[in-house]
Structure formats: C-alpha cells, structure tokens
Amino acid sequence: MTKAGKSVLIVDDEAPIREMIAVALEMAGYECMEAANAQEAHAQIIDRKPDLILLDWMLPGTSGVEFARRLKREDRTAELPIIMLTAKGEEDNKVQGLEAGADDYITKPFSPRELVARLKAVLRRSTPQGIEEPIEVSGLLLDPVCHRVTSFDKPLDIGPTEYRLLQFFMTHQERAYSRAQLLDQVWGGNVYVEERTVDVHIRRLRKALGEAHEHMIQTVRGTGYRFSTKVA
C-alpha cells in the first residue's frame, strides 16, 4: 500500500489520458487502477474496492453518467466517491453529473495539481470523522487508514455503510444512540433515509462481524443501539 493509503480507479477509454492521470496520482502517493469502460470498471470495483473513482463522462457503451447512477443504486457501491471527468463545461452537464451521484466534477483539460487537490477534498469529505489510528476491542481491529476490519487477524468483508457504522460505534462505546442520531452521525444530516434503514445496516453489520463480535452491537429497547463489550 502506498503512503497515502488510498486507491483510485481511473475510468477513461483513452489510454494516454489514463496514463497521464495515473502518473500524477502515483507521484502524489495514490495507488491507481485503470479501466477503459463501465464493464471493466465494475469488475475492478468489486474485486479491488477502490477508495474513489475518476469517471469519464463519455464512455463506449454505458456512459459515465449511467454508470454513476448504477453504482449509487447498488448497496455495496452506493457510498463510493465519484469525480466526473468531462470535456464539456456546460452547466446542465455539471448538474446532470451531480444528480447522478457524482461528488465533484472536473473539466478537461485540467492540471495534475488541481486534480490532486480536488481528489483530496472529496476523500476528506467521504472519510468518516474521528480516529486515524487503528482501534482494537476484544480482537476486533478497525484500521481507518487502510479501511480494513479484522477479527482476530482474519479480514472481514464489510460494506462501506456498515464500516462507517462500526467506526462510529467503536469510537463512541457504551452509549446508546437513537436511529435518528445514527442517521445524522453516519449518513449525514442532508440525506433522506428512513430510520428503519438503520436496522437493515445493523443486521448486515452483525452478520459481517460473525459470532465472535456480533454481540457487541446491542439493541437498546425503546432507544436504538449501542456498542458494548459488556453483556446486554
């Protein structure tokens, strides 16, 4: 893993552009992956779980905007930050890209310095608040720098929303939170999500943690949930 600890998937059908971007990002300490179309990109996302996608507006087959919408519809990729790359600077295209779920928008041609700055800003916004140091509780280890969770040194497969939930819980132990509080802290106040959605993600998180640690995510009747090592 590179010093920045973050990986970026560059999706563009023009190899020279991908190469130019990759050189700039690798010099800034990022790990880069490349894809020439939406199909290749989706396979890379599922296999390698990048931290951010640089997605060209114009792609063969499925357009970048269509692909962004698809990623935002799928649970396991809904939280993945996306920066749209386009040669078009018109306002309506920008709005269309943002409505499709893009986190930012950068118009070609752009300087490598601008790209790195925008990328850092999006990653900073999408990284949960709180710890940068690994936190360990009873054999459960969450490492926010490389975005991994292990149970007694065995990697766990945890989705992005469940990861953010777990990070919040592990940094706010032994306190009960309502569903509304969890939505505000983990999803953010501007997101329109039903409170029952929290229950779905809690269930997924418990399943991902497995028998060794699922008991730490405790239901508090009449209130919501808490993270505790004590017996409920």
C-alpha atoms as a PDB file:
ATOM      1  CA  MET A   1       0.000   0.000   0.000  1.00  0.00           C
ATOM      2  CA  THR A   2       1.306   3.444  -0.893  1.00  0.00           C
ATOM      3  CA  LYS A   3       1.957   6.159   1.642  1.00  0.00           C
ATOM      4  CA  ALA A   4      -1.426   7.860   1.055  1.00  0.00           C
ATOM      5  CA  GLY A   5      -3.103   4.527   1.720  1.00  0.00           C
ATOM      6  CA  LYS A   6      -5.831   5.345  -0.833  1.00  0.00           C
ATOM      7  CA  SER A   7      -6.591   3.724  -4.165  1.00  0.00           C
ATOM      8  CA  VAL A   8      -8.165   5.422  -7.181  1.00  0.00           C
ATOM      9  CA  LEU A   9      -9.848   3.772 -10.180  1.00  0.00           C
ATOM     10  CA  ILE A  10      -9.388   5.781 -13.391  1.00  0.00           C
ATOM     11  CA  VAL A  11     -12.178   5.047 -15.891  1.00  0.00           C
ATOM     12  CA  ASP A  12     -11.485   6.526 -19.322  1.00  0.00           C
ATOM     13  CA  ASP A  13     -11.474   4.926 -22.784  1.00  0.00           C
ATOM     14  CA  GLU A  14      -8.356   6.893 -23.818  1.00  0.00           C
ATOM     15  CA  ALA A  15      -5.208   5.133 -22.587  1.00  0.00           C
ATOM     16  CA  PRO A  16      -2.938   8.247 -22.794  1.00  0.00           C
ATOM     17  CA  ILE A  17      -5.314  10.180 -20.509  1.00  0.00           C
ATOM     18  CA  ARG A  18      -5.440   7.293 -18.026  1.00  0.00           C
ATOM     19  CA  GLU A  19      -1.649   7.135 -18.055  1.00  0.00           C
ATOM     20  CA  MET A  20      -1.259  10.891 -17.529  1.00  0.00           C
ATOM     21  CA  ILE A  21      -3.651  10.829 -14.569  1.00  0.00           C
ATOM     22  CA  ALA A  22      -2.036   7.715 -13.092  1.00  0.00           C
ATOM     23  CA  VAL A  23       1.425   9.294 -13.211  1.00  0.00           C
ATOM     24  CA  ALA A  24       0.179  12.421 -11.432  1.00  0.00           C
ATOM     25  CA  LEU A  25      -1.673  10.464  -8.756  1.00  0.00           C
ATOM     26  CA  GLU A  26       1.122   7.954  -8.143  1.00  0.00           C
ATOM     27  CA  MET A  27       3.528  10.859  -7.656  1.00  0.00           C
ATOM     28  CA  ALA A  28       1.105  12.171  -5.019  1.00  0.00           C
ATOM     29  CA  GLY A  29       1.197   8.779  -3.294  1.00  0.00           C
ATOM     30  CA  TYR A  30      -2.006   7.137  -4.528  1.00  0.00           C
ATOM     31  CA  GLU A  31      -2.405   3.597  -5.806  1.00  0.00           C
ATOM     32  CA  CYS A  32      -4.014   3.597  -9.264  1.00  0.00           C
ATOM     33  CA  MET A  33      -6.138   1.111 -11.171  1.00  0.00           C
ATOM     34  CA  GLU A  34      -7.412   1.600 -14.709  1.00  0.00           C
ATOM     35  CA  ALA A  35     -10.453   0.628 -16.754  1.00  0.00           C
ATOM     36  CA  ALA A  36     -11.453   1.521 -20.331  1.00  0.00           C
ATOM     37  CA  ASN A  37     -15.223   1.050 -19.954  1.00  0.00           C
ATOM     38  CA  ALA A  38     -18.007   0.555 -17.400  1.00  0.00           C
ATOM     39  CA  GLN A  39     -17.853  -3.248 -17.543  1.00  0.00           C
ATOM     40  CA  GLU A  40     -14.119  -3.339 -16.762  1.00  0.00           C
ATOM     41  CA  ALA A  41     -14.609  -0.690 -14.086  1.00  0.00           C
ATOM     42  CA  HIS A  42     -17.365  -2.627 -12.330  1.00  0.00           C
ATOM     43  CA  ALA A  43     -15.211  -5.760 -12.173  1.00  0.00           C
ATOM     44  CA  GLN A  44     -12.325  -3.762 -10.669  1.00  0.00           C
ATOM     45  CA  ILE A  45     -14.642  -2.120  -8.120  1.00  0.00           C
ATOM     46  CA  ILE A  46     -15.980  -5.468  -6.899  1.00  0.00           C
ATOM     47  CA  ASP A  47     -12.576  -7.197  -6.871  1.00  0.00           C
ATOM     48  CA  ARG A  48     -10.342  -4.427  -5.553  1.00  0.00           C
ATOM     49  CA  LYS A  49     -12.641  -1.935  -3.776  1.00  0.00           C
ATOM     50  CA  PRO A  50     -11.046   1.412  -4.704  1.00  0.00           C
ATOM     51  CA  ASP A  51     -11.492   4.419  -2.387  1.00  0.00           C
ATOM     52  CA  LEU A  52     -12.533   6.764  -5.201  1.00  0.00           C
ATOM     53  CA  ILE A  53     -13.451   6.672  -8.907  1.00  0.00           C
ATOM     54  CA  LEU A  54     -12.370   9.181 -11.547  1.00  0.00           C
ATOM     55  CA  LEU A  55     -15.071   8.584 -14.133  1.00  0.00           C
ATOM     56  CA  ASP A  56     -15.064   9.972 -17.679  1.00  0.00           C
ATOM     57  CA  TRP A  57     -18.398  11.365 -18.880  1.00  0.00           C
ATOM     58  CA  MET A  58     -18.070   9.836 -22.351  1.00  0.00           C
ATOM     59  CA  LEU A  59     -17.515   6.078 -22.337  1.00  0.00           C
ATOM     60  CA  PRO A  60     -18.226   3.442 -25.019  1.00  0.00           C
ATOM     61  CA  GLY A  61     -21.422   1.530 -24.303  1.00  0.00           C
ATOM     62  CA  THR A  62     -22.660   2.654 -20.919  1.00  0.00           C
ATOM     63  CA  SER A  63     -21.973   6.373 -20.384  1.00  0.00           C
ATOM     64  CA  GLY A  64     -20.201   7.645 -17.301  1.00  0.00           C
ATOM     65  CA  VAL A  65     -23.421   9.222 -16.003  1.00  0.00           C
ATOM     66  CA  GLU A  66     -25.394   5.989 -16.454  1.00  0.00           C
ATOM     67  CA  PHE A  67     -22.619   4.055 -14.708  1.00  0.00           C
ATOM     68  CA  ALA A  68     -22.558   6.542 -11.806  1.00  0.00           C
ATOM     69  CA  ARG A  69     -26.331   6.090 -11.359  1.00  0.00           C
ATOM     70  CA  ARG A  70     -25.916   2.312 -11.357  1.00  0.00           C
ATOM     71  CA  LEU A  71     -23.178   2.462  -8.705  1.00  0.00           C
ATOM     72  CA  LYS A  72     -25.303   4.694  -6.475  1.00  0.00           C
ATOM     73  CA  ARG A  73     -28.234   2.254  -6.744  1.00  0.00           C
ATOM     74  CA  GLU A  74     -26.186  -0.745  -5.575  1.00  0.00           C
ATOM     75  CA  ASP A  75     -25.754  -1.056  -1.819  1.00  0.00           C
ATOM     76  CA  ARG A  76     -22.129  -2.134  -1.903  1.00  0.00           C
ATOM     77  CA  THR A  77     -21.071   0.787  -4.130  1.00  0.00           C
ATOM     78  CA  ALA A  78     -23.563   3.483  -3.064  1.00  0.00           C
ATOM     79  CA  GLU A  79     -21.040   5.190  -0.780  1.00  0.00           C
ATOM     80  CA  LEU A  80     -18.142   5.121  -3.251  1.00  0.00           C
ATOM     81  CA  PRO A  81     -16.968   8.694  -4.015  1.00  0.00           C
ATOM     82  CA  ILE A  82     -17.053   9.646  -7.718  1.00  0.00           C
ATOM     83  CA  ILE A  83     -15.408  12.549  -9.546  1.00  0.00           C
ATOM     84  CA  MET A  84     -16.701  13.023 -13.096  1.00  0.00           C
ATOM     85  CA  LEU A  85     -14.183  13.949 -15.823  1.00  0.00           C
ATOM     86  CA  THR A  86     -15.519  15.674 -18.879  1.00  0.00           C
ATOM     87  CA  ALA A  87     -14.547  17.909 -21.785  1.00  0.00           C
ATOM     88  CA  LYS A  88     -17.938  19.569 -21.518  1.00  0.00           C
ATOM     89  CA  GLY A  89     -18.128  22.629 -19.298  1.00  0.00           C
ATOM     90  CA  GLU A  90     -21.834  23.433 -19.712  1.00  0.00           C
ATOM     91  CA  GLU A  91     -23.787  23.953 -16.511  1.00  0.00           C
ATOM     92  CA  ASP A  92     -26.539  21.445 -17.358  1.00  0.00           C
ATOM     93  CA  ASN A  93     -23.985  18.644 -17.776  1.00  0.00           C
ATOM     94  CA  LYS A  94     -22.485  19.511 -14.424  1.00  0.00           C
ATOM     95  CA  VAL A  95     -25.909  19.364 -12.787  1.00  0.00           C
ATOM     96  CA  GLN A  96     -26.686  16.070 -14.535  1.00  0.00           C
ATOM     97  CA  GLY A  97     -23.431  14.561 -13.262  1.00  0.00           C
ATOM     98  CA  LEU A  98     -24.047  15.696  -9.694  1.00  0.00           C
ATOM     99  CA  GLU A  99     -27.658  14.470  -9.815  1.00  0.00           C
ATOM    100  CA  ALA A 100     -26.359  11.060 -10.919  1.00  0.00           C
ATOM    101  CA  GLY A 101     -24.462  10.907  -7.632  1.00  0.00           C
ATOM    102  CA  ALA A 102     -21.049  12.350  -8.501  1.00  0.00           C
ATOM    103  CA  ASP A 103     -19.278  14.047  -5.583  1.00  0.00           C
ATOM    104  CA  ASP A 104     -17.390  16.507  -7.770  1.00  0.00           C
ATOM    105  CA  TYR A 105     -16.853  17.462 -11.375  1.00  0.00           C
ATOM    106  CA  ILE A 106     -13.660  18.471 -13.174  1.00  0.00           C
ATOM    107  CA  THR A 107     -13.461  19.743 -16.755  1.00  0.00           C
ATOM    108  CA  LYS A 108     -10.703  18.718 -19.166  1.00  0.00           C
ATOM    109  CA  PRO A 109      -8.083  19.954 -19.668  1.00  0.00           C
ATOM    110  CA  PHE A 110      -7.050  20.174 -16.017  1.00  0.00           C
ATOM    111  CA  SER A 111      -3.708  20.452 -14.252  1.00  0.00           C
ATOM    112  CA  PRO A 112      -2.436  17.475 -12.222  1.00  0.00           C
ATOM    113  CA  ARG A 113      -2.207  19.791  -9.208  1.00  0.00           C
ATOM    114  CA  GLU A 114      -5.894  20.745  -9.493  1.00  0.00           C
ATOM    115  CA  LEU A 115      -6.903  17.105  -9.901  1.00  0.00           C
ATOM    116  CA  VAL A 116      -4.950  16.004  -6.801  1.00  0.00           C
ATOM    117  CA  ALA A 117      -6.404  18.884  -4.763  1.00  0.00           C
ATOM    118  CA  ARG A 118      -9.986  18.050  -5.767  1.00  0.00           C
ATOM    119  CA  LEU A 119      -9.408  14.354  -5.156  1.00  0.00           C
ATOM    120  CA  LYS A 120      -8.030  15.041  -1.658  1.00  0.00           C
ATOM    121  CA  ALA A 121     -11.041  17.235  -0.870  1.00  0.00           C
ATOM    122  CA  VAL A 122     -13.555  14.550  -1.912  1.00  0.00           C
ATOM    123  CA  LEU A 123     -11.691  11.835   0.006  1.00  0.00           C
ATOM    124  CA  ARG A 124     -11.559  14.066   3.080  1.00  0.00           C
ATOM    125  CA  ARG A 125     -15.326  14.648   2.908  1.00  0.00           C
ATOM    126  CA  SER A 126     -16.056  10.952   2.412  1.00  0.00           C
ATOM    127  CA  THR A 127     -13.745   9.756   5.221  1.00  0.00           C
ATOM    128  CA  PRO A 128     -15.648   9.357   8.479  1.00  0.00           C
ATOM    129  CA  GLN A 129     -14.854  11.824  11.227  1.00  0.00           C
ATOM    130  CA  GLY A 130     -12.867  10.552  14.154  1.00  0.00           C
ATOM    131  CA  ILE A 131      -9.855   8.362  14.590  1.00  0.00           C
ATOM    132  CA  GLU A 132      -6.955   7.974  12.214  1.00  0.00           C
ATOM    133  CA  GLU A 133      -5.219   5.468  14.497  1.00  0.00           C
ATOM    134  CA  PRO A 134      -6.320   1.802  14.454  1.00  0.00           C
ATOM    135  CA  ILE A 135      -8.730   0.907  17.230  1.00  0.00           C
ATOM    136  CA  GLU A 136      -8.915  -2.584  18.738  1.00  0.00           C
ATOM    137  CA  VAL A 137     -11.610  -4.016  21.003  1.00  0.00           C
ATOM    138  CA  SER A 138     -11.501  -7.635  22.146  1.00  0.00           C
ATOM    139  CA  GLY A 139      -9.798  -8.907  18.982  1.00  0.00           C
ATOM    140  CA  LEU A 140     -11.836  -6.691  16.628  1.00  0.00           C
ATOM    141  CA  LEU A 141      -9.477  -4.276  14.841  1.00  0.00           C
ATOM    142  CA  LEU A 142     -10.555  -1.340  12.663  1.00  0.00           C
ATOM    143  CA  ASP A 143      -7.805   0.407  10.712  1.00  0.00           C
ATOM    144  CA  PRO A 144      -9.137   3.674   9.196  1.00  0.00           C
ATOM    145  CA  VAL A 145      -6.016   4.369   7.127  1.00  0.00           C
ATOM    146  CA  CYS A 146      -6.233   1.224   5.008  1.00  0.00           C
ATOM    147  CA  HIS A 147     -10.003   0.917   5.578  1.00  0.00           C
ATOM    148  CA  ARG A 148      -9.864  -2.676   6.846  1.00  0.00           C
ATOM    149  CA  VAL A 149     -11.552  -4.573   9.651  1.00  0.00           C
ATOM    150  CA  THR A 150     -10.175  -7.811  11.069  1.00  0.00           C
ATOM    151  CA  SER A 151     -11.432 -10.252  13.669  1.00  0.00           C
ATOM    152  CA  PHE A 152      -8.524 -11.984  15.432  1.00  0.00           C
ATOM    153  CA  ASP A 153      -6.344 -11.149  12.374  1.00  0.00           C
ATOM    154  CA  LYS A 154      -8.908 -12.559   9.929  1.00  0.00           C
ATOM    155  CA  PRO A 155     -10.187  -9.963   7.380  1.00  0.00           C
ATOM    156  CA  LEU A 156     -13.925  -9.228   7.466  1.00  0.00           C
ATOM    157  CA  ASP A 157     -15.966  -8.319   4.395  1.00  0.00           C
ATOM    158  CA  ILE A 158     -17.817  -5.169   5.461  1.00  0.00           C
ATOM    159  CA  GLY A 159     -19.729  -2.788   3.185  1.00  0.00           C
ATOM    160  CA  PRO A 160     -18.975   0.969   3.236  1.00  0.00           C
ATOM    161  CA  THR A 161     -22.051   1.960   5.269  1.00  0.00           C
ATOM    162  CA  GLU A 162     -21.507  -0.868   7.763  1.00  0.00           C
ATOM    163  CA  TYR A 163     -17.852   0.210   8.032  1.00  0.00           C
ATOM    164  CA  ARG A 164     -18.866   3.778   8.899  1.00  0.00           C
ATOM    165  CA  LEU A 165     -21.397   2.500  11.425  1.00  0.00           C
ATOM    166  CA  LEU A 166     -18.772   0.315  13.057  1.00  0.00           C
ATOM    167  CA  GLN A 167     -16.222   3.131  13.145  1.00  0.00           C
ATOM    168  CA  PHE A 168     -18.748   5.414  14.823  1.00  0.00           C
ATOM    169  CA  PHE A 169     -19.667   2.726  17.353  1.00  0.00           C
ATOM    170  CA  MET A 170     -16.054   1.828  18.155  1.00  0.00           C
ATOM    171  CA  THR A 171     -15.202   5.483  18.782  1.00  0.00           C
ATOM    172  CA  HIS A 172     -18.376   6.038  20.862  1.00  0.00           C
ATOM    173  CA  GLN A 173     -18.576   2.945  23.044  1.00  0.00           C
ATOM    174  CA  GLU A 174     -21.042   2.209  25.845  1.00  0.00           C
ATOM    175  CA  ARG A 175     -23.519   4.903  24.835  1.00  0.00           C
ATOM    176  CA  ALA A 176     -26.991   4.306  23.393  1.00  0.00           C
ATOM    177  CA  TYR A 177     -27.891   6.128  20.172  1.00  0.00           C
ATOM    178  CA  SER A 178     -31.307   6.503  18.588  1.00  0.00           C
ATOM    179  CA  ARG A 179     -31.823   5.662  14.926  1.00  0.00           C
ATOM    180  CA  ALA A 180     -32.181   9.388  14.177  1.00  0.00           C
ATOM    181  CA  GLN A 181     -28.838  10.122  15.882  1.00  0.00           C
ATOM    182  CA  LEU A 182     -27.133   7.335  13.951  1.00  0.00           C
ATOM    183  CA  LEU A 183     -28.591   8.615  10.662  1.00  0.00           C
ATOM    184  CA  ASP A 184     -27.283  12.092  11.440  1.00  0.00           C
ATOM    185  CA  GLN A 185     -23.813  10.896  12.517  1.00  0.00           C
ATOM    186  CA  VAL A 186     -23.220   8.144   9.953  1.00  0.00           C
ATOM    187  CA  TRP A 187     -25.292   9.107   6.915  1.00  0.00           C
ATOM    188  CA  GLY A 188     -25.181  12.882   7.412  1.00  0.00           C
ATOM    189  CA  GLY A 189     -27.995  15.313   8.117  1.00  0.00           C
ATOM    190  CA  ASN A 190     -28.807  16.121   4.467  1.00  0.00           C
ATOM    191  CA  VAL A 191     -29.563  12.551   3.407  1.00  0.00           C
ATOM    192  CA  TYR A 192     -33.197  11.478   3.237  1.00  0.00           C
ATOM    193  CA  VAL A 193     -33.119   7.949   4.577  1.00  0.00           C
ATOM    194  CA  GLU A 194     -35.831   6.196   6.583  1.00  0.00           C
ATOM    195  CA  GLU A 195     -34.949   5.355  10.175  1.00  0.00           C
ATOM    196  CA  ARG A 196     -35.692   1.683   9.517  1.00  0.00           C
ATOM    197  CA  THR A 197     -32.771   1.678   7.073  1.00  0.00           C
ATOM    198  CA  VAL A 198     -30.548   1.766  10.173  1.00  0.00           C
ATOM    199  CA  ASP A 199     -31.995  -1.592  11.265  1.00  0.00           C
ATOM    200  CA  VAL A 200     -31.088  -3.140   7.904  1.00  0.00           C
ATOM    201  CA  HIS A 201     -27.476  -1.977   8.153  1.00  0.00           C
ATOM    202  CA  ILE A 202     -27.218  -3.024  11.806  1.00  0.00           C
ATOM    203  CA  ARG A 203     -28.321  -6.513  10.782  1.00  0.00           C
ATOM    204  CA  ARG A 204     -25.725  -6.582   7.979  1.00  0.00           C
ATOM    205  CA  LEU A 205     -23.038  -5.338  10.346  1.00  0.00           C
ATOM    206  CA  ARG A 206     -23.791  -8.050  12.897  1.00  0.00           C
ATOM    207  CA  LYS A 207     -23.707 -10.683  10.165  1.00  0.00           C
ATOM    208  CA  ALA A 208     -20.339  -9.351   8.903  1.00  0.00           C
ATOM    209  CA  LEU A 209     -18.859  -9.367  12.416  1.00  0.00           C
ATOM    210  CA  GLY A 210     -19.814 -13.016  12.903  1.00  0.00           C
ATOM    211  CA  GLU A 211     -20.207 -14.982  16.102  1.00  0.00           C
ATOM    212  CA  ALA A 212     -17.048 -13.606  17.714  1.00  0.00           C
ATOM    213  CA  HIS A 213     -18.208  -9.985  17.812  1.00  0.00           C
ATOM    214  CA  GLU A 214     -21.862  -9.601  16.748  1.00  0.00           C
ATOM    215  CA  HIS A 215     -22.923  -9.412  20.426  1.00  0.00           C
ATOM    216  CA  MET A 216     -21.147  -6.037  20.739  1.00  0.00           C
ATOM    217  CA  ILE A 217     -23.806  -4.348  18.584  1.00  0.00           C
ATOM    218  CA  GLN A 218     -26.606  -4.284  21.126  1.00  0.00           C
ATOM    219  CA  THR A 219     -30.256  -3.312  20.723  1.00  0.00           C
ATOM    220  CA  VAL A 220     -31.439  -0.892  23.407  1.00  0.00           C
ATOM    221  CA  ARG A 221     -35.198  -1.283  23.679  1.00  0.00           C
ATOM    222  CA  GLY A 222     -37.128   1.948  23.188  1.00  0.00           C
ATOM    223  CA  THR A 223     -33.966   3.846  22.204  1.00  0.00           C
ATOM    224  CA  GLY A 224     -31.813   2.344  19.451  1.00  0.00           C
ATOM    225  CA  TYR A 225     -28.389   0.730  19.560  1.00  0.00           C
ATOM    226  CA  ARG A 226     -25.061   0.800  21.412  1.00  0.00           C
ATOM    227  CA  PHE A 227     -21.624  -0.742  21.060  1.00  0.00           C
ATOM    228  CA  SER A 228     -20.525  -2.519  24.232  1.00  0.00           C
ATOM    229  CA  THR A 229     -18.217  -5.297  25.373  1.00  0.00           C
ATOM    230  CA  LYS A 230     -20.456  -5.843  28.404  1.00  0.00           C
ATOM    231  CA  VAL A 231     -23.256  -8.393  28.413  1.00  0.00           C
ATOM    232  CA  ALA A 232     -26.503  -6.663  27.479  1.00  0.00           C
END
